[in-house]
PDB file of N, CA and C in Angstrom:
ATOM      1  N   MET A   1     -15.514  72.551-123.821  1.00  0.00           N
ATOM      2  CA  MET A   1     -14.590  73.561-123.382  1.00  0.00           C
ATOM      3  C   MET A   1     -13.898  73.097-122.095  1.00  0.00           C
ATOM      4  N   LYS A   2     -12.556  73.261-122.000  1.00  0.00           N
ATOM      5  CA  LYS A   2     -11.786  72.837-120.827  1.00  0.00           C
ATOM      6  C   LYS A   2     -11.891  73.887-119.737  1.00  0.00           C
ATOM      7  N   SER A   3     -11.951  73.405-118.513  1.00  0.00           N
ATOM      8  CA  SER A   3     -11.969  74.349-117.401  1.00  0.00           C
ATOM      9  C   SER A   3     -10.538  74.773-117.094  1.00  0.00           C
ATOM     10  N   LYS A   4     -10.406  75.899-116.416  1.00  0.00           N
ATOM     11  CA  LYS A   4      -9.078  76.435-116.106  1.00  0.00           C
ATOM     12  C   LYS A   4      -8.296  75.510-115.178  1.00  0.00           C
ATOM     13  N   SER A   5      -8.956  74.724-114.351  1.00  0.00           N
ATOM     14  CA  SER A   5      -8.260  73.857-113.409  1.00  0.00           C
ATOM     15  C   SER A   5      -7.598  72.666-114.085  1.00  0.00           C
ATOM     16  N   ARG A   6      -7.950  72.366-115.338  1.00  0.00           N
ATOM     17  CA  ARG A   6      -7.390  71.213-116.035  1.00  0.00           C
ATOM     18  C   ARG A   6      -6.285  71.605-117.013  1.00  0.00           C
ATOM     19  N   GLN A   7      -6.017  72.872-117.163  1.00  0.00           N
ATOM     20  CA  GLN A   7      -4.963  73.303-118.067  1.00  0.00           C
ATOM     21  C   GLN A   7      -3.603  72.914-117.477  1.00  0.00           C
ATOM     22  N   GLY A   8      -2.725  72.358-118.297  1.00  0.00           N
ATOM     23  CA  GLY A   8      -1.387  71.957-117.858  1.00  0.00           C
ATOM     24  C   GLY A   8      -1.340  70.575-117.234  1.00  0.00           C
ATOM     25  N   GLN A   9      -2.448  69.844-117.235  1.00  0.00           N
ATOM     26  CA  GLN A   9      -2.475  68.503-116.631  1.00  0.00           C
ATOM     27  C   GLN A   9      -1.512  67.562-117.345  1.00  0.00           C
ATOM     28  N   SER A  10      -1.494  67.600-118.680  1.00  0.00           N
ATOM     29  CA  SER A  10      -0.605  66.696-119.419  1.00  0.00           C
ATOM     30  C   SER A  10       0.866  67.059-119.179  1.00  0.00           C
ATOM     31  N   LEU A  11       1.160  68.337-118.966  1.00  0.00           N
ATOM     32  CA  LEU A  11       2.518  68.752-118.672  1.00  0.00           C
ATOM     33  C   LEU A  11       2.986  68.185-117.321  1.00  0.00           C
ATOM     34  N   VAL A  12       2.128  68.220-116.327  1.00  0.00           N
ATOM     35  CA  VAL A  12       2.461  67.688-115.007  1.00  0.00           C
ATOM     36  C   VAL A  12       2.638  66.176-115.081  1.00  0.00           C
ATOM     37  N   GLU A  13       1.752  65.483-115.770  1.00  0.00           N
ATOM     38  CA  GLU A  13       1.859  64.029-115.909  1.00  0.00           C
ATOM     39  C   GLU A  13       3.133  63.642-116.645  1.00  0.00           C
ATOM     40  N   THR A  14       3.459  64.372-117.700  1.00  0.00           N
ATOM     41  CA  THR A  14       4.682  64.098-118.454  1.00  0.00           C
ATOM     42  C   THR A  14       5.910  64.319-117.578  1.00  0.00           C
ATOM     43  N   THR A  15       5.889  65.338-116.746  1.00  0.00           N
ATOM     44  CA  THR A  15       7.006  65.609-115.840  1.00  0.00           C
ATOM     45  C   THR A  15       7.212  64.459-114.868  1.00  0.00           C
ATOM     46  N   PHE A  16       6.123  63.929-114.314  1.00  0.00           N
ATOM     47  CA  PHE A  16       6.236  62.788-113.388  1.00  0.00           C
ATOM     48  C   PHE A  16       6.800  61.549-114.080  1.00  0.00           C
ATOM     49  N   VAL A  17       6.298  61.266-115.263  1.00  0.00           N
ATOM     50  CA  VAL A  17       6.772  60.088-115.997  1.00  0.00           C
ATOM     51  C   VAL A  17       8.245  60.272-116.390  1.00  0.00           C
ATOM     52  N   LEU A  18       8.599  61.462-116.849  1.00  0.00           N
ATOM     53  CA  LEU A  18       9.979  61.723-117.252  1.00  0.00           C
ATOM     54  C   LEU A  18      10.934  61.637-116.055  1.00  0.00           C
ATOM     55  N   ALA A  19      10.514  62.134-114.902  1.00  0.00           N
ATOM     56  CA  ALA A  19      11.358  62.056-113.705  1.00  0.00           C
ATOM     57  C   ALA A  19      11.585  60.600-113.297  1.00  0.00           C
ATOM     58  N   ALA A  20      10.541  59.794-113.337  1.00  0.00           N
ATOM     59  CA  ALA A  20      10.692  58.378-112.996  1.00  0.00           C
ATOM     60  C   ALA A  20      11.601  57.667-114.005  1.00  0.00           C
ATOM     61  N   PHE A  21      11.423  57.961-115.278  1.00  0.00           N
ATOM     62  CA  PHE A  21      12.244  57.338-116.311  1.00  0.00           C
ATOM     63  C   PHE A  21      13.708  57.733-116.156  1.00  0.00           C
ATOM     64  N   MET A  22      13.987  58.998-115.908  1.00  0.00           N
ATOM     65  CA  MET A  22      15.370  59.457-115.753  1.00  0.00           C
ATOM     66  C   MET A  22      16.019  58.842-114.509  1.00  0.00           C
ATOM     67  N   GLY A  23      15.253  58.710-113.430  1.00  0.00           N
ATOM     68  CA  GLY A  23      15.784  58.056-112.232  1.00  0.00           C
ATOM     69  C   GLY A  23      16.163  56.615-112.522  1.00  0.00           C
ATOM     70  N   LEU A  24      15.306  55.911-113.258  1.00  0.00           N
ATOM     71  CA  LEU A  24      15.588  54.521-113.627  1.00  0.00           C
ATOM     72  C   LEU A  24      16.815  54.442-114.534  1.00  0.00           C
ATOM     73  N   LEU A  25      16.908  55.336-115.484  1.00  0.00           N
ATOM     74  CA  LEU A  25      18.037  55.339-116.411  1.00  0.00           C
ATOM     75  C   LEU A  25      19.352  55.625-115.682  1.00  0.00           C
ATOM     76  N   LEU A  26      19.367  56.616-114.816  1.00  0.00           N
ATOM     77  CA  LEU A  26      20.589  56.934-114.067  1.00  0.00           C
ATOM     78  C   LEU A  26      20.973  55.809-113.112  1.00  0.00           C
ATOM     79  N   GLY A  27      19.993  55.138-112.534  1.00  0.00           N
ATOM     80  CA  GLY A  27      20.273  53.982-111.679  1.00  0.00           C
ATOM     81  C   GLY A  27      20.929  52.858-112.455  1.00  0.00           C
ATOM     82  N   MET A  28      20.448  52.610-113.674  1.00  0.00           N
ATOM     83  CA  MET A  28      21.048  51.558-114.503  1.00  0.00           C
ATOM     84  C   MET A  28      22.476  51.908-114.887  1.00  0.00           C
ATOM     85  N   VAL A  29      22.745  53.177-115.168  1.00  0.00           N
ATOM     86  CA  VAL A  29      24.102  53.606-115.506  1.00  0.00           C
ATOM     87  C   VAL A  29      25.025  53.415-114.305  1.00  0.00           C
ATOM     88  N   ALA A  30      24.560  53.759-113.108  1.00  0.00           N
ATOM     89  CA  ALA A  30      25.385  53.608-111.903  1.00  0.00           C
ATOM     90  C   ALA A  30      25.691  52.140-111.624  1.00  0.00           C
ATOM     91  N   VAL A  31      24.703  51.273-111.777  1.00  0.00           N
ATOM     92  CA  VAL A  31      24.930  49.841-111.563  1.00  0.00           C
ATOM     93  C   VAL A  31      25.902  49.302-112.613  1.00  0.00           C
ATOM     94  N   GLY A  32      25.755  49.724-113.858  1.00  0.00           N
ATOM     95  CA  GLY A  32      26.655  49.292-114.923  1.00  0.00           C
ATOM     96  C   GLY A  32      28.088  49.725-114.667  1.00  0.00           C
ATOM     97  N   GLN A  33      28.260  50.950-114.184  1.00  0.00           N
ATOM     98  CA  GLN A  33      29.600  51.440-113.883  1.00  0.00           C
ATOM     99  C   GLN A  33      30.217  50.656-112.727  1.00  0.00           C
ATOM    100  N   THR A  34      29.439  50.356-111.720  1.00  0.00           N
ATOM    101  CA  THR A  34      29.934  49.570-110.589  1.00  0.00           C
ATOM    102  C   THR A  34      30.362  48.177-111.036  1.00  0.00           C
ATOM    103  N   LEU A  35      29.553  47.538-111.864  1.00  0.00           N
ATOM    104  CA  LEU A  35      29.910  46.214-112.375  1.00  0.00           C
ATOM    105  C   LEU A  35      31.161  46.259-113.245  1.00  0.00           C
ATOM    106  N   PHE A  36      31.298  47.316-114.034  1.00  0.00           N
ATOM    107  CA  PHE A  36      32.484  47.459-114.878  1.00  0.00           C
ATOM    108  C   PHE A  36      33.748  47.575-114.026  1.00  0.00           C
ATOM    109  N   VAL A  37      33.708  48.406-112.997  1.00  0.00           N
ATOM    110  CA  VAL A  37      34.873  48.574-112.119  1.00  0.00           C
ATOM    111  C   VAL A  37      35.191  47.263-111.410  1.00  0.00           C
ATOM    112  N   GLN A  38      34.173  46.562-110.934  1.00  0.00           N
ATOM    113  CA  GLN A  38      34.379  45.285-110.242  1.00  0.00           C
ATOM    114  C   GLN A  38      35.039  44.267-111.169  1.00  0.00           C
ATOM    115  N   GLN A  39      34.567  44.176-112.407  1.00  0.00           N
ATOM    116  CA  GLN A  39      35.132  43.220-113.360  1.00  0.00           C
ATOM    117  C   GLN A  39      36.558  43.607-113.751  1.00  0.00           C
ATOM    118  N   THR A  40      36.812  44.898-113.887  1.00  0.00           N
ATOM    119  CA  THR A  40      38.164  45.368-114.212  1.00  0.00           C
ATOM    120  C   THR A  40      39.136  45.026-113.088  1.00  0.00           C
ATOM    121  N   LEU A  41      38.716  45.235-111.842  1.00  0.00           N
ATOM    122  CA  LEU A  41      39.571  44.895-110.708  1.00  0.00           C
ATOM    123  C   LEU A  41      39.815  43.390-110.636  1.00  0.00           C
ATOM    124  N   ALA A  42      38.797  42.586-110.897  1.00  0.00           N
ATOM    125  CA  ALA A  42      38.963  41.126-110.889  1.00  0.00           C
ATOM    126  C   ALA A  42      39.950  40.693-111.974  1.00  0.00           C
ATOM    127  N   ASP A  43      39.867  41.310-113.138  1.00  0.00           N
ATOM    128  CA  ASP A  43      40.784  40.968-114.224  1.00  0.00           C
ATOM    129  C   ASP A  43      42.218  41.380-113.882  1.00  0.00           C
ATOM    130  N   ARG A  44      42.381  42.565-113.299  1.00  0.00           N
ATOM    131  CA  ARG A  44      43.720  43.010-112.907  1.00  0.00           C
ATOM    132  C   ARG A  44      44.316  42.086-111.846  1.00  0.00           C
ATOM    133  N   ALA A  45      43.505  41.656-110.878  1.00  0.00           N
ATOM    134  CA  ALA A  45      43.999  40.747-109.840  1.00  0.00           C
ATOM    135  C   ALA A  45      44.418  39.421-110.469  1.00  0.00           C
ATOM    136  N   HIS A  46      43.635  38.919-111.422  1.00  0.00           N
ATOM    137  CA  HIS A  46      43.982  37.658-112.091  1.00  0.00           C
ATOM    138  C   HIS A  46      45.283  37.805-112.880  1.00  0.00           C
ATOM    139  N   GLN A  47      45.416  38.910-113.622  1.00  0.00           N
ATOM    140  CA  GLN A  47      46.640  39.135-114.401  1.00  0.00           C
ATOM    141  C   GLN A  47      47.858  39.241-113.485  1.00  0.00           C
ATOM    142  N   ALA A  48      47.703  39.921-112.361  1.00  0.00           N
ATOM    143  CA  ALA A  48      48.819  40.085-111.429  1.00  0.00           C
ATOM    144  C   ALA A  48      49.218  38.754-110.807  1.00  0.00           C
ATOM    145  N   ALA A  49      48.228  37.955-110.409  1.00  0.00           N
ATOM    146  CA  ALA A  49      48.539  36.648-109.819  1.00  0.00           C
ATOM    147  C   ALA A  49      49.225  35.747-110.847  1.00  0.00           C
ATOM    148  N   ARG A  50      48.753  35.794-112.077  1.00  0.00           N
ATOM    149  CA  ARG A  50      49.359  34.968-113.133  1.00  0.00           C
ATOM    150  C   ARG A  50      50.799  35.423-113.396  1.00  0.00           C
ATOM    151  N   TRP A  51      51.018  36.745-113.453  1.00  0.00           N
ATOM    152  CA  TRP A  51      52.366  37.265-113.669  1.00  0.00           C
ATOM    153  C   TRP A  51      53.278  36.830-112.530  1.00  0.00           C
ATOM    154  N   GLY A  52      52.787  36.895-111.300  1.00  0.00           N
ATOM    155  CA  GLY A  52      53.587  36.486-110.150  1.00  0.00           C
ATOM    156  C   GLY A  52      53.882  35.005-110.129  1.00  0.00           C
ATOM    157  N   ALA A  53      53.019  34.197-110.757  1.00  0.00           N
ATOM    158  CA  ALA A  53      53.232  32.748-110.782  1.00  0.00           C
ATOM    159  C   ALA A  53      54.272  32.329-111.809  1.00  0.00           C
ATOM    160  N   VAL A  54      54.432  33.083-112.881  1.00  0.00           N
ATOM    161  CA  VAL A  54      55.359  32.670-113.937  1.00  0.00           C
ATOM    162  C   VAL A  54      56.672  33.462-113.925  1.00  0.00           C
ATOM    163  N   ASN A  55      56.754  34.514-113.120  1.00  0.00           N
ATOM    164  CA  ASN A  55      57.969  35.322-112.995  1.00  0.00           C
ATOM    165  C   ASN A  55      58.513  35.191-111.582  1.00  0.00           C
ATOM    166  N   PRO A  56      59.766  35.606-111.381  1.00  0.00           N
ATOM    167  CA  PRO A  56      60.297  35.591-110.003  1.00  0.00           C
ATOM    168  C   PRO A  56      59.419  36.449-109.093  1.00  0.00           C
ATOM    169  N   TYR A  57      59.211  35.972-107.876  1.00  0.00           N
ATOM    170  CA  TYR A  57      58.296  36.633-106.938  1.00  0.00           C
ATOM    171  C   TYR A  57      58.787  38.029-106.576  1.00  0.00           C
ATOM    172  N   ASP A  58      57.967  39.023-106.872  1.00  0.00           N
ATOM    173  CA  ASP A  58      58.262  40.417-106.549  1.00  0.00           C
ATOM    174  C   ASP A  58      56.935  41.075-106.162  1.00  0.00           C
ATOM    175  N   PRO A  59      56.641  41.178-104.854  1.00  0.00           N
ATOM    176  CA  PRO A  59      55.337  41.698-104.443  1.00  0.00           C
ATOM    177  C   PRO A  59      55.075  43.130-104.907  1.00  0.00           C
ATOM    178  N   ALA A  60      56.105  43.964-105.018  1.00  0.00           N
ATOM    179  CA  ALA A  60      55.899  45.338-105.487  1.00  0.00           C
ATOM    180  C   ALA A  60      55.454  45.351-106.948  1.00  0.00           C
ATOM    181  N   ALA A  61      56.061  44.515-107.776  1.00  0.00           N
ATOM    182  CA  ALA A  61      55.686  44.447-109.188  1.00  0.00           C
ATOM    183  C   ALA A  61      54.271  43.883-109.340  1.00  0.00           C
ATOM    184  N   ILE A  62      53.934  42.883-108.539  1.00  0.00           N
ATOM    185  CA  ILE A  62      52.580  42.309-108.590  1.00  0.00           C
ATOM    186  C   ILE A  62      51.555  43.374-108.178  1.00  0.00           C
ATOM    187  N   ARG A  63      51.855  44.105-107.140  1.00  0.00           N
ATOM    188  CA  ARG A  63      50.968  45.186-106.690  1.00  0.00           C
ATOM    189  C   ARG A  63      50.827  46.257-107.782  1.00  0.00           C
ATOM    190  N   ASN A  64      51.921  46.582-108.461  1.00  0.00           N
ATOM    191  CA  ASN A  64      51.873  47.576-109.540  1.00  0.00           C
ATOM    192  C   ASN A  64      51.017  47.110-110.704  1.00  0.00           C
ATOM    193  N   ILE A  65      51.004  45.824-110.978  1.00  0.00           N
ATOM    194  CA  ILE A  65      50.157  45.315-112.064  1.00  0.00           C
ATOM    195  C   ILE A  65      48.688  45.562-111.731  1.00  0.00           C
ATOM    196  N   VAL A  66      48.312  45.360-110.477  1.00  0.00           N
ATOM    197  CA  VAL A  66      46.928  45.628-110.084  1.00  0.00           C
ATOM    198  C   VAL A  66      46.638  47.122-110.175  1.00  0.00           C
ATOM    199  N   LEU A  67      47.517  47.933-109.646  1.00  0.00           N
ATOM    200  CA  LEU A  67      47.261  49.371-109.568  1.00  0.00           C
ATOM    201  C   LEU A  67      47.391  50.088-110.906  1.00  0.00           C
ATOM    202  N   PHE A  68      48.414  49.733-111.694  1.00  0.00           N
ATOM    203  CA  PHE A  68      48.733  50.503-112.895  1.00  0.00           C
ATOM    204  C   PHE A  68      48.673  49.697-114.194  1.00  0.00           C
ATOM    205  N   GLY A  69      48.551  48.377-114.108  1.00  0.00           N
ATOM    206  CA  GLY A  69      48.485  47.551-115.309  1.00  0.00           C
ATOM    207  C   GLY A  69      49.839  47.146-115.854  1.00  0.00           C
ATOM    208  N   ALA A  70      50.926  47.470-115.139  1.00  0.00           N
ATOM    209  CA  ALA A  70      52.271  47.125-115.588  1.00  0.00           C
ATOM    210  C   ALA A  70      53.166  46.962-114.363  1.00  0.00           C
ATOM    211  N   PRO A  71      54.193  46.072-114.451  1.00  0.00           N
ATOM    212  CA  PRO A  71      55.100  45.886-113.312  1.00  0.00           C
ATOM    213  C   PRO A  71      55.893  47.155-112.989  1.00  0.00           C
ATOM    214  N   GLU A  72      56.208  47.945-113.989  1.00  0.00           N
ATOM    215  CA  GLU A  72      56.924  49.216-113.816  1.00  0.00           C
ATOM    216  C   GLU A  72      56.018  50.316-114.356  1.00  0.00           C
ATOM    217  N   PRO A  73      55.296  51.022-113.483  1.00  0.00           N
ATOM    218  CA  PRO A  73      54.370  52.046-113.983  1.00  0.00           C
ATOM    219  C   PRO A  73      55.093  53.259-114.550  1.00  0.00           C
ATOM    220  N   LYS A  74      54.405  53.942-115.459  1.00  0.00           N
ATOM    221  CA  LYS A  74      54.952  55.181-116.007  1.00  0.00           C
ATOM    222  C   LYS A  74      54.951  56.247-114.922  1.00  0.00           C
ATOM    223  N   LYS A  75      55.748  57.277-115.126  1.00  0.00           N
ATOM    224  CA  LYS A  75      55.913  58.321-114.123  1.00  0.00           C
ATOM    225  C   LYS A  75      54.585  59.003-113.766  1.00  0.00           C
ATOM    226  N   ASP A  76      53.749  59.251-114.752  1.00  0.00           N
ATOM    227  CA  ASP A  76      52.515  59.990-114.530  1.00  0.00           C
ATOM    228  C   ASP A  76      51.289  59.083-114.390  1.00  0.00           C
ATOM    229  N   ALA A  77      51.497  57.786-114.157  1.00  0.00           N
ATOM    230  CA  ALA A  77      50.385  56.834-114.072  1.00  0.00           C
ATOM    231  C   ALA A  77      49.592  57.032-112.781  1.00  0.00           C
ATOM    232  N   ALA A  78      48.285  56.884-112.903  1.00  0.00           N
ATOM    233  CA  ALA A  78      47.394  56.983-111.738  1.00  0.00           C
ATOM    234  C   ALA A  78      46.814  55.602-111.453  1.00  0.00           C
ATOM    235  N   PRO A  79      46.653  55.248-110.196  1.00  0.00           N
ATOM    236  CA  PRO A  79      46.096  53.928-109.881  1.00  0.00           C
ATOM    237  C   PRO A  79      44.641  53.814-110.309  1.00  0.00           C
ATOM    238  N   ILE A  80      44.238  52.615-110.668  1.00  0.00           N
ATOM    239  CA  ILE A  80      42.885  52.366-111.131  1.00  0.00           C
ATOM    240  C   ILE A  80      41.889  52.506-109.975  1.00  0.00           C
ATOM    241  N   ALA A  81      40.772  53.103-110.251  1.00  0.00           N
ATOM    242  CA  ALA A  81      39.648  53.227-109.312  1.00  0.00           C
ATOM    243  C   ALA A  81      40.049  53.856-107.985  1.00  0.00           C
ATOM    244  N   GLY A  82      41.107  54.665-107.987  1.00  0.00           N
ATOM    245  CA  GLY A  82      41.535  55.336-106.770  1.00  0.00           C
ATOM    246  C   GLY A  82      42.078  54.414-105.694  1.00  0.00           C
ATOM    247  N   LEU A  83      42.547  53.234-106.088  1.00  0.00           N
ATOM    248  CA  LEU A  83      43.093  52.295-105.112  1.00  0.00           C
ATOM    249  C   LEU A  83      44.418  52.802-104.547  1.00  0.00           C
ATOM    250  N   SER A  84      44.702  52.403-103.335  1.00  0.00           N
ATOM    251  CA  SER A  84      46.011  52.684-102.748  1.00  0.00           C
ATOM    252  C   SER A  84      46.800  51.375-102.692  1.00  0.00           C
ATOM    253  N   ALA A  85      48.092  51.487-102.527  1.00  0.00           N
ATOM    254  CA  ALA A  85      48.936  50.291-102.462  1.00  0.00           C
ATOM    255  C   ALA A  85      48.566  49.417-101.273  1.00  0.00           C
ATOM    256  N   SER A  86      48.093  50.026-100.197  1.00  0.00           N
ATOM    257  CA  SER A  86      47.725  49.231 -99.014  1.00  0.00           C
ATOM    258  C   SER A  86      46.439  48.436 -99.218  1.00  0.00           C
ATOM    259  N   ALA A  87      45.657  48.765-100.247  1.00  0.00           N
ATOM    260  CA  ALA A  87      44.419  48.030-100.521  1.00  0.00           C
ATOM    261  C   ALA A  87      44.678  46.724-101.265  1.00  0.00           C
ATOM    262  N   VAL A  88      45.885  46.555-101.805  1.00  0.00           N
ATOM    263  CA  VAL A  88      46.232  45.354-102.571  1.00  0.00           C
ATOM    264  C   VAL A  88      47.127  44.477-101.699  1.00  0.00           C
ATOM    265  N   GLN A  89      46.637  43.279-101.387  1.00  0.00           N
ATOM    266  CA  GLN A  89      47.398  42.350-100.556  1.00  0.00           C
ATOM    267  C   GLN A  89      47.952  41.231-101.430  1.00  0.00           C
ATOM    268  N   VAL A  90      49.262  41.031-101.332  1.00  0.00           N
ATOM    269  CA  VAL A  90      49.953  40.013-102.124  1.00  0.00           C
ATOM    270  C   VAL A  90      50.591  39.038-101.152  1.00  0.00           C
ATOM    271  N   GLY A  91      50.452  37.745-101.433  1.00  0.00           N
ATOM    272  CA  GLY A  91      51.042  36.737-100.565  1.00  0.00           C
ATOM    273  C   GLY A  91      51.399  35.481-101.329  1.00  0.00           C
ATOM    274  N   THR A  92      52.123  34.595-100.648  1.00  0.00           N
ATOM    275  CA  THR A  92      52.514  33.312-101.236  1.00  0.00           C
ATOM    276  C   THR A  92      52.187  32.197-100.255  1.00  0.00           C
ATOM    277  N   PRO A  93      50.913  31.827-100.135  1.00  0.00           N
ATOM    278  CA  PRO A  93      50.578  30.733 -99.223  1.00  0.00           C
ATOM    279  C   PRO A  93      51.127  29.405 -99.740  1.00  0.00           C
ATOM    280  N   GLY A  94      51.584  28.589 -98.840  1.00  0.00           N
ATOM    281  CA  GLY A  94      52.090  27.261 -99.196  1.00  0.00           C
ATOM    282  C   GLY A  94      53.515  27.254 -99.702  1.00  0.00           C
ATOM    283  N   CYS A  95      54.198  28.368 -99.672  1.00  0.00           N
ATOM    284  CA  CYS A  95      55.574  28.420-100.167  1.00  0.00           C
ATOM    285  C   CYS A  95      56.537  28.388 -98.996  1.00  0.00           C
ATOM    286  N   PRO A  96      57.675  27.787 -99.096  1.00  0.00           N
ATOM    287  CA  PRO A  96      58.086  26.916-100.194  1.00  0.00           C
ATOM    288  C   PRO A  96      57.429  25.546-100.050  1.00  0.00           C
ATOM    289  N   GLY A  97      57.295  24.907-101.142  1.00  0.00           N
ATOM    290  CA  GLY A  97      56.712  23.580-101.137  1.00  0.00           C
ATOM    291  C   GLY A  97      55.945  23.295-102.409  1.00  0.00           C
ATOM    292  N   PRO A  98      55.383  22.101-102.498  1.00  0.00           N
ATOM    293  CA  PRO A  98      54.691  21.716-103.726  1.00  0.00           C
ATOM    294  C   PRO A  98      53.351  22.431-103.910  1.00  0.00           C
ATOM    295  N   HIS A  99      52.818  23.028-102.854  1.00  0.00           N
ATOM    296  CA  HIS A  99      51.518  23.704-102.954  1.00  0.00           C
ATOM    297  C   HIS A  99      51.679  25.214-102.920  1.00  0.00           C
ATOM    298  N   CYS A 100      52.754  25.702-103.506  1.00  0.00           N
ATOM    299  CA  CYS A 100      53.051  27.129-103.522  1.00  0.00           C
ATOM    300  C   CYS A 100      52.081  27.857-104.461  1.00  0.00           C
ATOM    301  N   ARG A 101      51.540  28.974-103.985  1.00  0.00           N
ATOM    302  CA  ARG A 101      50.584  29.759-104.758  1.00  0.00           C
ATOM    303  C   ARG A 101      50.939  31.241-104.633  1.00  0.00           C
ATOM    304  N   VAL A 102      50.485  32.028-105.587  1.00  0.00           N
ATOM    305  CA  VAL A 102      50.542  33.488-105.490  1.00  0.00           C
ATOM    306  C   VAL A 102      49.110  33.953-105.316  1.00  0.00           C
ATOM    307  N   SER A 103      48.875  34.703-104.253  1.00  0.00           N
ATOM    308  CA  SER A 103      47.537  35.189-103.935  1.00  0.00           C
ATOM    309  C   SER A 103      47.512  36.708-104.017  1.00  0.00           C
ATOM    310  N   VAL A 104      46.502  37.245-104.708  1.00  0.00           N
ATOM    311  CA  VAL A 104      46.315  38.690-104.819  1.00  0.00           C
ATOM    312  C   VAL A 104      44.882  38.996-104.412  1.00  0.00           C
ATOM    313  N   ALA A 105      44.721  39.892-103.444  1.00  0.00           N
ATOM    314  CA  ALA A 105      43.388  40.289-102.981  1.00  0.00           C
ATOM    315  C   ALA A 105      43.297  41.800-102.943  1.00  0.00           C
ATOM    316  N   ILE A 106      42.115  42.316-103.256  1.00  0.00           N
ATOM    317  CA  ILE A 106      41.871  43.753-103.201  1.00  0.00           C
ATOM    318  C   ILE A 106      40.865  43.997-102.088  1.00  0.00           C
ATOM    319  N   ALA A 107      41.348  44.591-101.006  1.00  0.00           N
ATOM    320  CA  ALA A 107      40.520  44.820 -99.824  1.00  0.00           C
ATOM    321  C   ALA A 107      39.380  45.777-100.149  1.00  0.00           C
ATOM    322  N   GLY A 108      38.217  45.470 -99.604  1.00  0.00           N
ATOM    323  CA  GLY A 108      37.066  46.336 -99.765  1.00  0.00           C
ATOM    324  C   GLY A 108      36.289  46.118-101.046  1.00  0.00           C
ATOM    325  N   HIS A 109      36.776  45.277-101.938  1.00  0.00           N
ATOM    326  CA  HIS A 109      36.086  45.039-103.201  1.00  0.00           C
ATOM    327  C   HIS A 109      35.697  43.574-103.391  1.00  0.00           C
ATOM    328  N   GLY A 110      36.083  42.721-102.462  1.00  0.00           N
ATOM    329  CA  GLY A 110      35.720  41.315-102.567  1.00  0.00           C
ATOM    330  C   GLY A 110      36.377  40.598-103.734  1.00  0.00           C
ATOM    331  N   VAL A 111      37.549  41.049-104.129  1.00  0.00           N
ATOM    332  CA  VAL A 111      38.249  40.458-105.277  1.00  0.00           C
ATOM    333  C   VAL A 111      39.465  39.711-104.760  1.00  0.00           C
ATOM    334  N   ARG A 112      39.622  38.461-105.236  1.00  0.00           N
ATOM    335  CA  ARG A 112      40.778  37.652-104.866  1.00  0.00           C
ATOM    336  C   ARG A 112      41.096  36.702-106.006  1.00  0.00           C
ATOM    337  N   SER A 113      42.375  36.531-106.281  1.00  0.00           N
ATOM    338  CA  SER A 113      42.812  35.593-107.310  1.00  0.00           C
ATOM    339  C   SER A 113      44.016  34.822-106.781  1.00  0.00           C
ATOM    340  N   VAL A 114      44.031  33.525-107.045  1.00  0.00           N
ATOM    341  CA  VAL A 114      45.121  32.656-106.599  1.00  0.00           C
ATOM    342  C   VAL A 114      45.588  31.838-107.792  1.00  0.00           C
ATOM    343  N   GLU A 115      46.889  31.821-108.015  1.00  0.00           N
ATOM    344  CA  GLU A 115      47.481  31.054-109.116  1.00  0.00           C
ATOM    345  C   GLU A 115      48.592  30.162-108.577  1.00  0.00           C
ATOM    346  N   PRO A 116      48.685  28.910-109.060  1.00  0.00           N
ATOM    347  CA  PRO A 116      49.796  28.041-108.644  1.00  0.00           C
ATOM    348  C   PRO A 116      51.100  28.513-109.283  1.00  0.00           C
ATOM    349  N   VAL A 117      52.176  28.420-108.518  1.00  0.00           N
ATOM    350  CA  VAL A 117      53.492  28.831-109.017  1.00  0.00           C
ATOM    351  C   VAL A 117      54.032  27.734-109.910  1.00  0.00           C
ATOM    352  N   GLU A 118      54.496  28.123-111.078  1.00  0.00           N
ATOM    353  CA  GLU A 118      55.068  27.165-112.013  1.00  0.00           C
ATOM    354  C   GLU A 118      56.523  26.941-111.647  1.00  0.00           C
ATOM    355  N   THR A 119      56.847  25.709-111.307  1.00  0.00           N
ATOM    356  CA  THR A 119      58.224  25.375-110.942  1.00  0.00           C
ATOM    357  C   THR A 119      58.902  24.711-112.123  1.00  0.00           C
ATOM    358  N   PRO A 120      60.193  24.944-112.291  1.00  0.00           N
ATOM    359  CA  PRO A 120      60.895  24.294-113.402  1.00  0.00           C
ATOM    360  C   PRO A 120      60.951  22.788-113.160  1.00  0.00           C
ATOM    361  N   PRO A 121      60.947  22.003-114.221  1.00  0.00           N
ATOM    362  CA  PRO A 121      60.997  20.564-114.069  1.00  0.00           C
ATOM    363  C   PRO A 121      62.294  20.124-113.411  1.00  0.00           C
ATOM    364  N   THR A 122      62.193  19.081-112.600  1.00  0.00           N
ATOM    365  CA  THR A 122      63.388  18.552-111.943  1.00  0.00           C
ATOM    366  C   THR A 122      63.549  17.076-112.330  1.00  0.00           C
ATOM    367  N   GLY A 123      64.700  16.550-112.058  1.00  0.00           N
ATOM    368  CA  GLY A 123      64.939  15.131-112.343  1.00  0.00           C
ATOM    369  C   GLY A 123      66.015  14.942-113.393  1.00  0.00           C
ATOM    370  N   ASP A 124      66.083  13.706-113.907  1.00  0.00           N
ATOM    371  CA  ASP A 124      67.142  13.363-114.843  1.00  0.00           C
ATOM    372  C   ASP A 124      66.734  13.580-116.298  1.00  0.00           C
ATOM    373  N   ALA A 125      65.494  13.966-116.546  1.00  0.00           N
ATOM    374  CA  ALA A 125      65.052  14.133-117.928  1.00  0.00           C
ATOM    375  C   ALA A 125      65.788  15.293-118.574  1.00  0.00           C
ATOM    376  N   PRO A 126      66.238  15.120-119.796  1.00  0.00           N
ATOM    377  CA  PRO A 126      66.926  16.221-120.479  1.00  0.00           C
ATOM    378  C   PRO A 126      65.962  17.375-120.759  1.00  0.00           C
ATOM    379  N   ALA A 127      66.484  18.568-120.760  1.00  0.00           N
ATOM    380  CA  ALA A 127      65.664  19.740-121.057  1.00  0.00           C
ATOM    381  C   ALA A 127      65.280  19.740-122.524  1.00  0.00           C
ATOM    382  N   LYS A 128      64.087  20.191-122.814  1.00  0.00           N
ATOM    383  CA  LYS A 128      63.633  20.250-124.205  1.00  0.00           C
ATOM    384  C   LYS A 128      64.317  21.426-124.906  1.00  0.00           C
ATOM    385  N   PRO A 129      64.708  21.209-126.149  1.00  0.00           N
ATOM    386  CA  PRO A 129      65.393  22.303-126.881  1.00  0.00           C
ATOM    387  C   PRO A 129      64.445  23.405-127.263  1.00  0.00           C
TER     388      PRO A 129
END
């Protein structure tokens, strides 16, 4: 026969185990979400730097690619991850010159991408059709 002091023991133990499990599960979800946002921002910075390297230099359009995913955002578009335009730094180190690059950095997130600027061929060689 069970004594009255032992009634509900399994319920209390289950509650402790369930609380620990839920804390672990929610922690994993939070870490996963943080990694997803970080990777998305890194990809946007890379896409923006690449776009700036192959198109005429336009820092506003490059910044819009990071914030909205397009050089010309839609009217109702919201910036990704609550970023502001001042958080996206766009530059052209080494320009003008042979070491010209387009640099895109997102302040506070440790994200930076640099792409070399593609220059049209020069010289006497005929252009390819």
